[in-house]
Every structure is written in structure tokens, then in C-alpha cells.
Amino acid sequence: MGPLKNDTPVKHEGKLLFIDACIRGDQSRTRGIALPVVAALSNRYDVETIDLTTMDIAPLSPKAYAERTEGNIPEWALEAARKIAQADRIVIAAPFWDMSFPAVLKAFFEQTSLFGVTFEDNGRKCVGLCKCKKVLYITTRGMDIPTGDPREQGTPYIKALSCLWGLGEVETIAAWNMDYLSPEKIEEKISKAVVEGIRLAKTF
């Protein structure tokens, strides 16, 4: 008689929201790092992906802003904001563009920064409403700009947004100088970042 099959479902630790802003799709070096890291995290969390590359997200226009103040919010934005607020962990993957990240990601944040959903005002200051405790920001940079360099504004922005929404600690995994290396060195950097991310996934 063979070993008994264990049909007990895996008990996950919560919900993880993966926000994918890798504009180049499967050609993206950032996505090449993010996917195996998210796969490792799926062993601990129920993962849901919001793929911004498949969405037509516009920044707020005067008309859209006026409609929002009247409570007319696009259904997709309200749904995404609720998913952000309910997530236990968030992973953001976005390449380094124009010293931060692609505009579609900023527009997404703009559209989902909703009073009463992701933050509120207690009469003295804004207070985050999100339950997330940790955010992982994954990126690659063509230029020789390490995380913490004043020219790199992606990480500071996400940290500031975390303060507004109450997202908790922000960690960045990055590979840089990617446009000036041999293909072998690029793959080496990507592999190193993946290893770092999978190691982090054990405690994230």
C-alpha cells in the first residue's frame, strides 16, 4: 500500500497583490526578476495580479477630478483601491523610466488614491486605511544609479505613498547599470536579484 495522499489544502498567510507595470512585457528585465519572486511568495500567500500593461489608465483630468469629488469613481479604480486596502502584502514591479517609473504606474496610484478606501482624514492629518504590512518594489535601471541615489525617485515615491496609505515597510530589490554590461553580466545581475528576492520571500 502506497503512502496516503495528503489532501489538506495549503493554509496561506493572507493576500498578496502583485502590481505589474513592466511595459515591455515578457522582454522586461524587471519582470524577469519579479515573476520567480512572486512564484516563491505564492507558497505563502494567495496572489492576485493587476497587470497595468493591459489597462488603459489615464491621469486625472479636470473633468475626471470633478466627477470623482461628486462620488463618480470608475468601477475599476474603486475595485483596485479596495484590493490594495485589503492586501496583506504588495509587490510592485516597474522599470526605471525617466528617473522613477512609467507614468502608467503613477496614474494608477492617482486613480486608486481614494478617500475612505486607501486613506482618510482624522481632522488633524491623513491616515492610511490599508492593512498591508510590507511592500516589495522590484526594478531594473539601465543607468549606473543604485538605490538611494538622489537621481532615483521611484523608491522615495513609493515610501511616501506608503505613509499616506499605511502600507508599512518598503523594501527595494534592484539591478542597475544594465544598459552598459555584457549579456552575461546582465544575466548574472538578474540571477542575483532573483536569489535575493526568493530569500526575502521566506520572511516577507
N, C-alpha and C. Protein backbone atom coordinates (compact mmCIF):
# COMPACT_ATOMS: atom_id res chain seq x y z
N MET A 1 0.85 -1.19 0.00
CA MET A 1 0.00 0.00 0.00
C MET A 1 0.89 1.24 0.00
N GLY A 2 0.63 2.13 -0.92
CA GLY A 2 1.46 3.32 -1.04
C GLY A 2 1.13 4.34 0.04
N PRO A 3 1.92 5.40 0.11
CA PRO A 3 1.69 6.44 1.12
C PRO A 3 0.36 7.12 0.88
N LEU A 4 -0.28 7.51 1.96
CA LEU A 4 -1.55 8.20 1.86
C LEU A 4 -1.36 9.58 1.27
N LYS A 5 -2.27 9.98 0.41
CA LYS A 5 -2.20 11.30 -0.20
C LYS A 5 -2.78 12.34 0.76
N ASN A 6 -2.05 13.41 0.95
CA ASN A 6 -2.50 14.48 1.83
C ASN A 6 -3.31 15.49 1.03
N ASP A 7 -4.62 15.47 1.23
CA ASP A 7 -5.50 16.38 0.50
C ASP A 7 -5.79 17.66 1.28
N THR A 8 -5.10 17.83 2.41
CA THR A 8 -5.32 19.02 3.21
C THR A 8 -4.87 20.25 2.43
N PRO A 9 -5.75 21.23 2.24
CA PRO A 9 -5.35 22.42 1.47
C PRO A 9 -4.28 23.21 2.20
N VAL A 10 -3.41 23.83 1.42
CA VAL A 10 -2.36 24.65 1.99
C VAL A 10 -2.99 25.89 2.61
N LYS A 11 -2.63 26.16 3.85
CA LYS A 11 -3.15 27.34 4.53
C LYS A 11 -2.22 28.51 4.29
N HIS A 12 -2.69 29.48 3.52
CA HIS A 12 -1.87 30.64 3.21
C HIS A 12 -1.99 31.69 4.30
N GLU A 13 -1.03 32.60 4.30
CA GLU A 13 -0.93 33.59 5.37
C GLU A 13 -1.70 34.88 5.06
N GLY A 14 -2.29 34.97 3.89
CA GLY A 14 -3.04 36.17 3.57
C GLY A 14 -3.04 36.42 2.08
N LYS A 15 -3.37 37.66 1.72
CA LYS A 15 -3.49 38.05 0.32
C LYS A 15 -2.28 38.89 -0.11
N LEU A 16 -1.75 38.57 -1.28
CA LEU A 16 -0.66 39.35 -1.86
C LEU A 16 -1.14 39.92 -3.19
N LEU A 17 -0.98 41.23 -3.35
CA LEU A 17 -1.34 41.89 -4.59
C LEU A 17 -0.08 42.22 -5.37
N PHE A 18 0.00 41.72 -6.59
CA PHE A 18 1.14 41.96 -7.47
C PHE A 18 0.73 42.98 -8.51
N ILE A 19 1.36 44.16 -8.47
CA ILE A 19 1.09 45.23 -9.42
C ILE A 19 2.21 45.25 -10.45
N ASP A 20 1.88 44.86 -11.67
CA ASP A 20 2.87 44.68 -12.74
C ASP A 20 2.81 45.87 -13.69
N ALA A 21 3.86 46.68 -13.68
CA ALA A 21 3.95 47.84 -14.58
C ALA A 21 5.14 47.68 -15.52
N CYS A 22 5.41 46.44 -15.92
CA CYS A 22 6.54 46.14 -16.81
C CYS A 22 6.10 46.32 -18.26
N ILE A 23 6.27 47.51 -18.78
CA ILE A 23 5.73 47.91 -20.07
C ILE A 23 6.20 47.01 -21.21
N ARG A 24 7.40 46.49 -21.13
CA ARG A 24 7.94 45.69 -22.22
C ARG A 24 7.51 44.22 -22.15
N GLY A 25 6.59 43.92 -21.26
CA GLY A 25 6.05 42.57 -21.19
C GLY A 25 7.10 41.51 -20.91
N ASP A 26 7.05 40.45 -21.67
CA ASP A 26 7.97 39.34 -21.45
C ASP A 26 9.42 39.69 -21.78
N GLN A 27 9.65 40.80 -22.46
CA GLN A 27 11.01 41.25 -22.74
C GLN A 27 11.59 42.06 -21.57
N SER A 28 10.77 42.31 -20.58
CA SER A 28 11.18 43.15 -19.46
C SER A 28 12.14 42.43 -18.52
N ARG A 29 13.26 43.07 -18.27
CA ARG A 29 14.23 42.51 -17.31
C ARG A 29 13.66 42.57 -15.89
N THR A 30 12.86 43.60 -15.62
CA THR A 30 12.24 43.71 -14.30
C THR A 30 11.27 42.56 -14.07
N ARG A 31 10.45 42.26 -15.08
CA ARG A 31 9.52 41.14 -14.94
C ARG A 31 10.26 39.82 -14.78
N GLY A 32 11.42 39.71 -15.43
CA GLY A 32 12.23 38.51 -15.28
C GLY A 32 12.68 38.25 -13.86
N ILE A 33 12.80 39.32 -13.08
CA ILE A 33 13.12 39.18 -11.66
C ILE A 33 11.84 38.94 -10.86
N ALA A 34 10.80 39.70 -11.19
CA ALA A 34 9.60 39.68 -10.37
C ALA A 34 8.86 38.34 -10.39
N LEU A 35 8.73 37.72 -11.56
CA LEU A 35 7.89 36.52 -11.66
C LEU A 35 8.36 35.38 -10.77
N PRO A 36 9.67 35.03 -10.75
CA PRO A 36 10.07 33.94 -9.84
C PRO A 36 9.95 34.32 -8.37
N VAL A 37 10.08 35.60 -8.07
CA VAL A 37 9.92 36.03 -6.67
C VAL A 37 8.46 35.91 -6.26
N VAL A 38 7.55 36.35 -7.13
CA VAL A 38 6.12 36.22 -6.83
C VAL A 38 5.73 34.74 -6.76
N ALA A 39 6.32 33.92 -7.61
CA ALA A 39 6.03 32.48 -7.56
C ALA A 39 6.43 31.90 -6.20
N ALA A 40 7.58 32.34 -5.69
CA ALA A 40 8.02 31.88 -4.36
C ALA A 40 7.06 32.36 -3.27
N LEU A 41 6.60 33.59 -3.41
CA LEU A 41 5.66 34.13 -2.42
C LEU A 41 4.30 33.45 -2.49
N SER A 42 3.96 32.87 -3.63
CA SER A 42 2.67 32.18 -3.77
C SER A 42 2.59 30.94 -2.89
N ASN A 43 3.74 30.49 -2.39
CA ASN A 43 3.73 29.38 -1.45
C ASN A 43 3.19 29.81 -0.09
N ARG A 44 3.19 31.13 0.16
CA ARG A 44 2.75 31.65 1.45
C ARG A 44 1.49 32.50 1.36
N TYR A 45 1.23 33.05 0.18
CA TYR A 45 0.10 33.97 0.03
C TYR A 45 -0.77 33.60 -1.17
N ASP A 46 -2.02 34.00 -1.09
CA ASP A 46 -2.90 33.95 -2.26
C ASP A 46 -2.60 35.18 -3.10
N VAL A 47 -2.12 34.96 -4.32
CA VAL A 47 -1.63 36.05 -5.16
C VAL A 47 -2.69 36.47 -6.18
N GLU A 48 -2.89 37.76 -6.29
CA GLU A 48 -3.71 38.34 -7.35
C GLU A 48 -2.88 39.38 -8.08
N THR A 49 -2.94 39.37 -9.41
CA THR A 49 -2.14 40.28 -10.23
C THR A 49 -3.02 41.35 -10.86
N ILE A 50 -2.53 42.58 -10.80
CA ILE A 50 -3.10 43.67 -11.59
C ILE A 50 -2.04 44.04 -12.63
N ASP A 51 -2.30 43.71 -13.87
CA ASP A 51 -1.35 43.94 -14.96
C ASP A 51 -1.68 45.28 -15.63
N LEU A 52 -0.92 46.29 -15.30
CA LEU A 52 -1.19 47.63 -15.82
C LEU A 52 -0.94 47.72 -17.31
N THR A 53 -0.17 46.79 -17.86
CA THR A 53 0.14 46.84 -19.30
C THR A 53 -1.07 46.48 -20.15
N THR A 54 -2.09 45.92 -19.53
CA THR A 54 -3.29 45.55 -20.28
C THR A 54 -4.42 46.55 -20.07
N MET A 55 -4.14 47.61 -19.32
CA MET A 55 -5.18 48.57 -18.95
C MET A 55 -4.90 49.94 -19.58
N ASP A 56 -5.96 50.64 -19.90
CA ASP A 56 -5.86 51.99 -20.46
C ASP A 56 -6.12 52.99 -19.33
N ILE A 57 -5.06 53.33 -18.60
CA ILE A 57 -5.19 54.17 -17.41
C ILE A 57 -4.73 55.59 -17.73
N ALA A 58 -5.60 56.54 -17.57
CA ALA A 58 -5.27 57.94 -17.84
C ALA A 58 -5.11 58.68 -16.52
N PRO A 59 -4.26 59.71 -16.49
CA PRO A 59 -4.18 60.55 -15.29
C PRO A 59 -5.49 61.32 -15.12
N LEU A 60 -5.70 61.83 -13.94
CA LEU A 60 -6.93 62.57 -13.67
C LEU A 60 -6.97 63.86 -14.48
N SER A 61 -8.01 64.03 -15.26
CA SER A 61 -8.26 65.27 -15.98
C SER A 61 -9.15 66.16 -15.12
N PRO A 62 -9.30 67.45 -15.46
CA PRO A 62 -10.23 68.28 -14.69
C PRO A 62 -11.63 67.69 -14.62
N LYS A 63 -12.11 67.12 -15.73
CA LYS A 63 -13.44 66.52 -15.75
C LYS A 63 -13.51 65.31 -14.83
N ALA A 64 -12.47 64.42 -14.93
CA ALA A 64 -12.46 63.22 -14.11
C ALA A 64 -12.35 63.57 -12.63
N TYR A 65 -11.56 64.60 -12.32
CA TYR A 65 -11.41 65.02 -10.93
C TYR A 65 -12.73 65.55 -10.38
N ALA A 66 -13.42 66.36 -11.18
CA ALA A 66 -14.72 66.89 -10.76
C ALA A 66 -15.72 65.76 -10.52
N GLU A 67 -15.71 64.78 -11.39
CA GLU A 67 -16.62 63.65 -11.23
C GLU A 67 -16.29 62.86 -9.97
N ARG A 68 -14.99 62.72 -9.69
CA ARG A 68 -14.60 61.96 -8.51
C ARG A 68 -15.04 62.67 -7.23
N THR A 69 -14.90 63.98 -7.18
CA THR A 69 -15.33 64.72 -5.99
C THR A 69 -16.83 64.62 -5.76
N GLU A 70 -17.56 64.29 -6.82
CA GLU A 70 -19.00 64.09 -6.70
C GLU A 70 -19.36 62.64 -6.43
N GLY A 71 -18.32 61.80 -6.26
CA GLY A 71 -18.55 60.40 -5.94
C GLY A 71 -18.67 59.49 -7.15
N ASN A 72 -18.43 60.03 -8.35
CA ASN A 72 -18.50 59.22 -9.57
C ASN A 72 -17.11 58.67 -9.87
N ILE A 73 -16.81 57.51 -9.33
CA ILE A 73 -15.49 56.89 -9.44
C ILE A 73 -15.57 55.70 -10.41
N PRO A 74 -14.63 55.59 -11.36
CA PRO A 74 -14.64 54.42 -12.25
C PRO A 74 -14.63 53.12 -11.46
N GLU A 75 -15.44 52.18 -11.88
CA GLU A 75 -15.57 50.93 -11.14
C GLU A 75 -14.24 50.21 -11.00
N TRP A 76 -13.41 50.23 -12.06
CA TRP A 76 -12.13 49.52 -11.99
C TRP A 76 -11.24 50.14 -10.93
N ALA A 77 -11.26 51.48 -10.81
CA ALA A 77 -10.40 52.17 -9.83
C ALA A 77 -10.86 51.86 -8.41
N LEU A 78 -12.16 51.85 -8.18
CA LEU A 78 -12.69 51.53 -6.86
C LEU A 78 -12.37 50.10 -6.48
N GLU A 79 -12.52 49.19 -7.45
CA GLU A 79 -12.20 47.78 -7.18
C GLU A 79 -10.72 47.60 -6.88
N ALA A 80 -9.85 48.24 -7.66
CA ALA A 80 -8.41 48.13 -7.42
C ALA A 80 -8.02 48.74 -6.08
N ALA A 81 -8.61 49.88 -5.74
CA ALA A 81 -8.31 50.52 -4.45
C ALA A 81 -8.70 49.62 -3.28
N ARG A 82 -9.83 48.95 -3.41
CA ARG A 82 -10.26 48.03 -2.36
C ARG A 82 -9.31 46.84 -2.24
N LYS A 83 -8.81 46.36 -3.37
CA LYS A 83 -7.84 45.25 -3.32
C LYS A 83 -6.56 45.70 -2.65
N ILE A 84 -6.12 46.93 -2.93
CA ILE A 84 -4.93 47.46 -2.27
C ILE A 84 -5.16 47.55 -0.77
N ALA A 85 -6.31 48.07 -0.38
CA ALA A 85 -6.61 48.26 1.04
C ALA A 85 -6.69 46.93 1.79
N GLN A 86 -7.12 45.87 1.09
CA GLN A 86 -7.33 44.57 1.75
C GLN A 86 -6.12 43.64 1.67
N ALA A 87 -5.12 44.03 0.89
CA ALA A 87 -3.95 43.15 0.72
C ALA A 87 -3.09 43.12 1.98
N ASP A 88 -2.55 41.94 2.29
CA ASP A 88 -1.62 41.82 3.42
C ASP A 88 -0.20 42.16 3.00
N ARG A 89 0.11 41.92 1.74
CA ARG A 89 1.43 42.25 1.18
C ARG A 89 1.23 42.76 -0.25
N ILE A 90 2.12 43.63 -0.70
CA ILE A 90 2.05 44.17 -2.05
C ILE A 90 3.43 44.07 -2.70
N VAL A 91 3.47 43.59 -3.93
CA VAL A 91 4.69 43.59 -4.74
C VAL A 91 4.44 44.48 -5.95
N ILE A 92 5.34 45.41 -6.18
CA ILE A 92 5.26 46.32 -7.33
C ILE A 92 6.47 46.08 -8.21
N ALA A 93 6.24 45.80 -9.48
CA ALA A 93 7.33 45.60 -10.44
C ALA A 93 7.23 46.68 -11.51
N ALA A 94 8.27 47.49 -11.63
CA ALA A 94 8.27 48.58 -12.60
C ALA A 94 9.70 48.96 -12.97
N PRO A 95 9.99 49.12 -14.25
CA PRO A 95 11.34 49.51 -14.65
C PRO A 95 11.61 50.97 -14.31
N PHE A 96 12.88 51.33 -14.34
CA PHE A 96 13.34 52.69 -14.08
C PHE A 96 13.18 53.50 -15.36
N TRP A 97 12.19 54.39 -15.37
CA TRP A 97 11.95 55.25 -16.53
C TRP A 97 11.97 56.70 -16.09
N ASP A 98 12.72 57.53 -16.78
CA ASP A 98 12.72 58.97 -16.52
C ASP A 98 12.88 59.27 -15.04
N MET A 99 13.84 58.59 -14.43
CA MET A 99 14.29 58.79 -13.06
C MET A 99 13.32 58.25 -11.99
N SER A 100 12.24 57.60 -12.41
CA SER A 100 11.38 56.96 -11.41
C SER A 100 10.79 55.67 -11.99
N PHE A 101 9.57 55.74 -12.52
CA PHE A 101 8.93 54.55 -13.11
C PHE A 101 7.94 55.02 -14.18
N PRO A 102 7.40 54.11 -14.97
CA PRO A 102 6.48 54.50 -16.05
C PRO A 102 5.28 55.30 -15.55
N ALA A 103 4.84 56.24 -16.37
CA ALA A 103 3.72 57.12 -15.99
C ALA A 103 2.45 56.34 -15.69
N VAL A 104 2.26 55.18 -16.31
CA VAL A 104 1.05 54.39 -16.07
C VAL A 104 0.94 53.99 -14.60
N LEU A 105 2.08 53.76 -13.95
CA LEU A 105 2.05 53.39 -12.54
C LEU A 105 1.64 54.59 -11.68
N LYS A 106 2.17 55.77 -12.00
CA LYS A 106 1.76 56.97 -11.27
C LYS A 106 0.27 57.23 -11.49
N ALA A 107 -0.21 57.08 -12.72
CA ALA A 107 -1.63 57.28 -12.99
C ALA A 107 -2.49 56.27 -12.22
N PHE A 108 -1.99 55.04 -12.11
CA PHE A 108 -2.72 54.01 -11.35
C PHE A 108 -2.82 54.42 -9.88
N PHE A 109 -1.71 54.87 -9.32
CA PHE A 109 -1.73 55.31 -7.92
C PHE A 109 -2.68 56.51 -7.75
N GLU A 110 -2.65 57.40 -8.71
CA GLU A 110 -3.51 58.59 -8.66
C GLU A 110 -4.98 58.20 -8.67
N GLN A 111 -5.32 57.24 -9.51
CA GLN A 111 -6.70 56.82 -9.65
C GLN A 111 -7.20 56.01 -8.45
N THR A 112 -6.28 55.36 -7.76
CA THR A 112 -6.67 54.49 -6.64
C THR A 112 -6.43 55.13 -5.28
N SER A 113 -5.94 56.35 -5.26
CA SER A 113 -5.77 57.07 -4.00
C SER A 113 -7.12 57.69 -3.64
N LEU A 114 -7.96 56.91 -3.02
CA LEU A 114 -9.36 57.27 -2.80
C LEU A 114 -9.66 57.48 -1.33
N PHE A 115 -10.20 58.64 -1.02
CA PHE A 115 -10.59 58.96 0.35
C PHE A 115 -11.67 57.98 0.80
N GLY A 116 -11.45 57.43 1.99
CA GLY A 116 -12.40 56.47 2.52
C GLY A 116 -12.12 55.04 2.13
N VAL A 117 -11.14 54.85 1.23
CA VAL A 117 -10.77 53.49 0.81
C VAL A 117 -9.31 53.20 1.15
N THR A 118 -8.39 53.97 0.58
CA THR A 118 -6.97 53.77 0.88
C THR A 118 -6.45 54.72 1.96
N PHE A 119 -7.17 55.82 2.20
CA PHE A 119 -6.78 56.75 3.28
C PHE A 119 -7.99 57.56 3.71
N GLU A 120 -7.85 58.25 4.84
CA GLU A 120 -8.88 59.15 5.33
C GLU A 120 -8.22 60.31 6.07
N ASP A 121 -9.01 61.23 6.55
CA ASP A 121 -8.55 62.39 7.30
C ASP A 121 -9.20 62.34 8.67
N ASN A 122 -8.37 62.36 9.72
CA ASN A 122 -8.93 62.27 11.07
C ASN A 122 -9.16 63.64 11.70
N GLY A 123 -9.07 64.69 10.87
CA GLY A 123 -9.27 66.04 11.37
C GLY A 123 -7.98 66.77 11.68
N ARG A 124 -6.89 66.01 11.77
CA ARG A 124 -5.57 66.61 12.02
C ARG A 124 -4.57 66.25 10.94
N LYS A 125 -4.74 65.07 10.36
CA LYS A 125 -3.81 64.62 9.32
C LYS A 125 -4.44 63.46 8.56
N CYS A 126 -3.82 63.11 7.45
CA CYS A 126 -4.27 61.95 6.68
C CYS A 126 -3.80 60.67 7.35
N VAL A 127 -4.65 59.67 7.33
CA VAL A 127 -4.35 58.38 7.96
C VAL A 127 -4.62 57.27 6.96
N GLY A 128 -3.68 56.34 6.82
CA GLY A 128 -3.85 55.23 5.90
C GLY A 128 -4.89 54.23 6.38
N LEU A 129 -5.60 53.64 5.45
CA LEU A 129 -6.61 52.63 5.76
C LEU A 129 -6.21 51.23 5.31
N CYS A 130 -5.01 51.08 4.76
CA CYS A 130 -4.60 49.78 4.21
C CYS A 130 -4.05 48.88 5.32
N LYS A 131 -4.27 47.58 5.18
CA LYS A 131 -3.81 46.62 6.18
C LYS A 131 -2.44 46.04 5.87
N CYS A 132 -1.90 46.36 4.70
CA CYS A 132 -0.59 45.84 4.27
C CYS A 132 0.51 46.20 5.27
N LYS A 133 1.38 45.26 5.54
CA LYS A 133 2.49 45.49 6.46
C LYS A 133 3.83 45.64 5.77
N LYS A 134 3.94 45.11 4.53
CA LYS A 134 5.21 45.18 3.81
C LYS A 134 4.95 45.34 2.31
N VAL A 135 5.79 46.15 1.66
CA VAL A 135 5.74 46.35 0.22
C VAL A 135 7.11 46.01 -0.36
N LEU A 136 7.12 45.26 -1.45
CA LEU A 136 8.36 44.95 -2.16
C LEU A 136 8.31 45.62 -3.52
N TYR A 137 9.29 46.48 -3.77
CA TYR A 137 9.40 47.19 -5.05
C TYR A 137 10.56 46.58 -5.83
N ILE A 138 10.26 46.03 -6.99
CA ILE A 138 11.26 45.37 -7.83
C ILE A 138 11.48 46.20 -9.07
N THR A 139 12.74 46.51 -9.39
CA THR A 139 13.02 47.36 -10.54
C THR A 139 14.39 47.05 -11.13
N THR A 140 14.58 47.46 -12.39
CA THR A 140 15.90 47.42 -13.02
C THR A 140 16.15 48.79 -13.62
N ARG A 141 17.44 49.20 -13.59
CA ARG A 141 17.81 50.52 -14.09
C ARG A 141 18.92 50.38 -15.13
N GLY A 142 18.71 51.01 -16.27
CA GLY A 142 19.71 50.95 -17.32
C GLY A 142 20.97 51.71 -16.94
N MET A 143 20.80 52.83 -16.25
CA MET A 143 21.93 53.65 -15.85
C MET A 143 22.57 53.15 -14.56
N ASP A 144 23.76 53.63 -14.30
CA ASP A 144 24.50 53.22 -13.11
C ASP A 144 24.03 54.06 -11.92
N ILE A 145 22.80 53.76 -11.46
CA ILE A 145 22.19 54.51 -10.38
C ILE A 145 21.69 53.52 -9.33
N PRO A 146 22.38 53.41 -8.21
CA PRO A 146 21.94 52.48 -7.17
C PRO A 146 20.77 53.03 -6.37
N THR A 147 20.09 52.16 -5.67
CA THR A 147 19.01 52.58 -4.78
C THR A 147 19.57 53.52 -3.72
N GLY A 148 18.87 54.62 -3.49
CA GLY A 148 19.33 55.61 -2.53
C GLY A 148 19.99 56.80 -3.18
N ASP A 149 20.37 56.66 -4.46
CA ASP A 149 20.93 57.79 -5.20
C ASP A 149 19.82 58.83 -5.38
N PRO A 150 20.12 60.13 -5.21
CA PRO A 150 19.07 61.15 -5.36
C PRO A 150 18.43 61.20 -6.74
N ARG A 151 19.10 60.60 -7.75
CA ARG A 151 18.51 60.56 -9.08
C ARG A 151 17.43 59.49 -9.21
N GLU A 152 17.34 58.63 -8.23
CA GLU A 152 16.38 57.52 -8.26
C GLU A 152 15.19 57.91 -7.39
N GLN A 153 14.06 58.22 -8.03
CA GLN A 153 12.90 58.72 -7.31
C GLN A 153 11.75 57.72 -7.19
N GLY A 154 11.95 56.51 -7.70
CA GLY A 154 10.90 55.51 -7.58
C GLY A 154 10.71 55.06 -6.14
N THR A 155 11.79 54.68 -5.48
CA THR A 155 11.71 54.22 -4.10
C THR A 155 11.18 55.29 -3.16
N PRO A 156 11.69 56.54 -3.21
CA PRO A 156 11.15 57.57 -2.32
C PRO A 156 9.66 57.81 -2.53
N TYR A 157 9.21 57.75 -3.78
CA TYR A 157 7.78 57.98 -4.03
C TYR A 157 6.94 56.88 -3.37
N ILE A 158 7.34 55.63 -3.56
CA ILE A 158 6.56 54.53 -3.00
C ILE A 158 6.58 54.57 -1.47
N LYS A 159 7.70 55.01 -0.89
CA LYS A 159 7.76 55.16 0.56
C LYS A 159 6.82 56.26 1.03
N ALA A 160 6.76 57.36 0.28
CA ALA A 160 5.85 58.45 0.64
C ALA A 160 4.40 58.00 0.53
N LEU A 161 4.09 57.25 -0.54
CA LEU A 161 2.74 56.73 -0.72
C LEU A 161 2.38 55.77 0.40
N SER A 162 3.37 54.98 0.84
CA SER A 162 3.14 54.07 1.94
C SER A 162 2.75 54.81 3.21
N CYS A 163 3.33 55.98 3.42
CA CYS A 163 2.97 56.79 4.59
C CYS A 163 1.53 57.27 4.49
N LEU A 164 1.11 57.65 3.28
CA LEU A 164 -0.26 58.13 3.08
C LEU A 164 -1.27 57.01 3.24
N TRP A 165 -1.00 55.88 2.63
CA TRP A 165 -1.96 54.77 2.61
C TRP A 165 -1.82 53.82 3.78
N GLY A 166 -0.70 53.90 4.52
CA GLY A 166 -0.48 52.98 5.62
C GLY A 166 -0.07 51.59 5.16
N LEU A 167 0.87 51.55 4.22
CA LEU A 167 1.26 50.26 3.63
C LEU A 167 2.37 49.55 4.38
N GLY A 168 3.00 50.23 5.31
CA GLY A 168 4.06 49.58 6.06
C GLY A 168 5.43 49.72 5.41
N GLU A 169 6.34 48.84 5.81
CA GLU A 169 7.74 48.88 5.38
C GLU A 169 7.88 48.64 3.87
N VAL A 170 8.75 49.42 3.24
CA VAL A 170 9.02 49.26 1.80
C VAL A 170 10.45 48.76 1.62
N GLU A 171 10.59 47.67 0.88
CA GLU A 171 11.91 47.15 0.52
C GLU A 171 12.06 47.17 -0.99
N THR A 172 13.27 47.48 -1.46
CA THR A 172 13.55 47.54 -2.89
C THR A 172 14.57 46.50 -3.29
N ILE A 173 14.26 45.76 -4.34
CA ILE A 173 15.24 44.88 -4.98
C ILE A 173 15.50 45.45 -6.36
N ALA A 174 16.75 45.76 -6.66
CA ALA A 174 17.07 46.43 -7.92
C ALA A 174 18.36 45.89 -8.52
N ALA A 175 18.40 45.91 -9.85
CA ALA A 175 19.64 45.67 -10.59
C ALA A 175 19.85 46.89 -11.48
N TRP A 176 21.07 47.42 -11.50
CA TRP A 176 21.30 48.64 -12.26
C TRP A 176 22.55 48.57 -13.12
N ASN A 177 22.73 49.60 -13.92
CA ASN A 177 23.80 49.67 -14.93
C ASN A 177 23.59 48.63 -16.03
N MET A 178 22.34 48.29 -16.27
CA MET A 178 22.01 47.18 -17.15
C MET A 178 22.24 47.48 -18.64
N ASP A 179 22.27 48.75 -19.01
CA ASP A 179 22.44 49.10 -20.42
C ASP A 179 23.91 49.15 -20.84
N TYR A 180 24.81 48.91 -19.91
CA TYR A 180 26.23 49.08 -20.20
C TYR A 180 27.05 47.85 -19.85
N LEU A 181 26.35 46.71 -19.81
CA LEU A 181 27.01 45.46 -19.45
C LEU A 181 26.87 44.44 -20.56
N SER A 182 27.72 43.44 -20.53
CA SER A 182 27.60 42.34 -21.49
C SER A 182 26.36 41.52 -21.15
N PRO A 183 25.83 40.77 -22.13
CA PRO A 183 24.67 39.91 -21.85
C PRO A 183 24.92 38.96 -20.68
N GLU A 184 26.14 38.48 -20.56
CA GLU A 184 26.45 37.56 -19.46
C GLU A 184 26.35 38.26 -18.11
N LYS A 185 26.86 39.49 -18.05
CA LYS A 185 26.81 40.25 -16.81
C LYS A 185 25.37 40.64 -16.45
N ILE A 186 24.57 40.94 -17.48
CA ILE A 186 23.17 41.27 -17.24
C ILE A 186 22.44 40.07 -16.63
N GLU A 187 22.65 38.89 -17.21
CA GLU A 187 22.01 37.69 -16.67
C GLU A 187 22.49 37.40 -15.26
N GLU A 188 23.76 37.68 -15.01
CA GLU A 188 24.31 37.48 -13.67
C GLU A 188 23.61 38.39 -12.65
N LYS A 189 23.39 39.64 -13.06
CA LYS A 189 22.72 40.59 -12.15
C LYS A 189 21.26 40.19 -11.93
N ILE A 190 20.59 39.77 -12.99
CA ILE A 190 19.21 39.33 -12.85
C ILE A 190 19.12 38.12 -11.92
N SER A 191 20.00 37.16 -12.12
CA SER A 191 20.01 35.96 -11.28
C SER A 191 20.27 36.31 -9.82
N LYS A 192 21.16 37.23 -9.60
CA LYS A 192 21.48 37.65 -8.23
C LYS A 192 20.27 38.30 -7.57
N ALA A 193 19.55 39.13 -8.33
CA ALA A 193 18.36 39.78 -7.80
C ALA A 193 17.26 38.77 -7.50
N VAL A 194 17.11 37.77 -8.36
CA VAL A 194 16.12 36.71 -8.13
C VAL A 194 16.44 35.96 -6.84
N VAL A 195 17.69 35.60 -6.66
CA VAL A 195 18.11 34.90 -5.44
C VAL A 195 17.80 35.75 -4.21
N GLU A 196 18.11 37.04 -4.30
CA GLU A 196 17.81 37.95 -3.19
C GLU A 196 16.31 37.99 -2.90
N GLY A 197 15.51 38.05 -3.97
CA GLY A 197 14.06 38.11 -3.79
C GLY A 197 13.49 36.83 -3.21
N ILE A 198 13.96 35.68 -3.67
CA ILE A 198 13.47 34.40 -3.15
C ILE A 198 13.87 34.24 -1.69
N ARG A 199 15.06 34.70 -1.34
CA ARG A 199 15.47 34.67 0.06
C ARG A 199 14.57 35.57 0.91
N LEU A 200 14.26 36.75 0.39
CA LEU A 200 13.38 37.66 1.10
C LEU A 200 11.97 37.10 1.26
N ALA A 201 11.54 36.31 0.26
CA ALA A 201 10.19 35.76 0.27
C ALA A 201 9.93 34.88 1.49
N LYS A 202 10.97 34.36 2.10
CA LYS A 202 10.80 33.48 3.25
C LYS A 202 10.33 34.24 4.49
N THR A 203 10.61 35.54 4.54
CA THR A 203 10.24 36.33 5.71
C THR A 203 9.34 37.52 5.38
N PHE A 204 9.04 37.70 4.11
CA PHE A 204 8.25 38.85 3.67
C PHE A 204 6.77 38.71 4.04
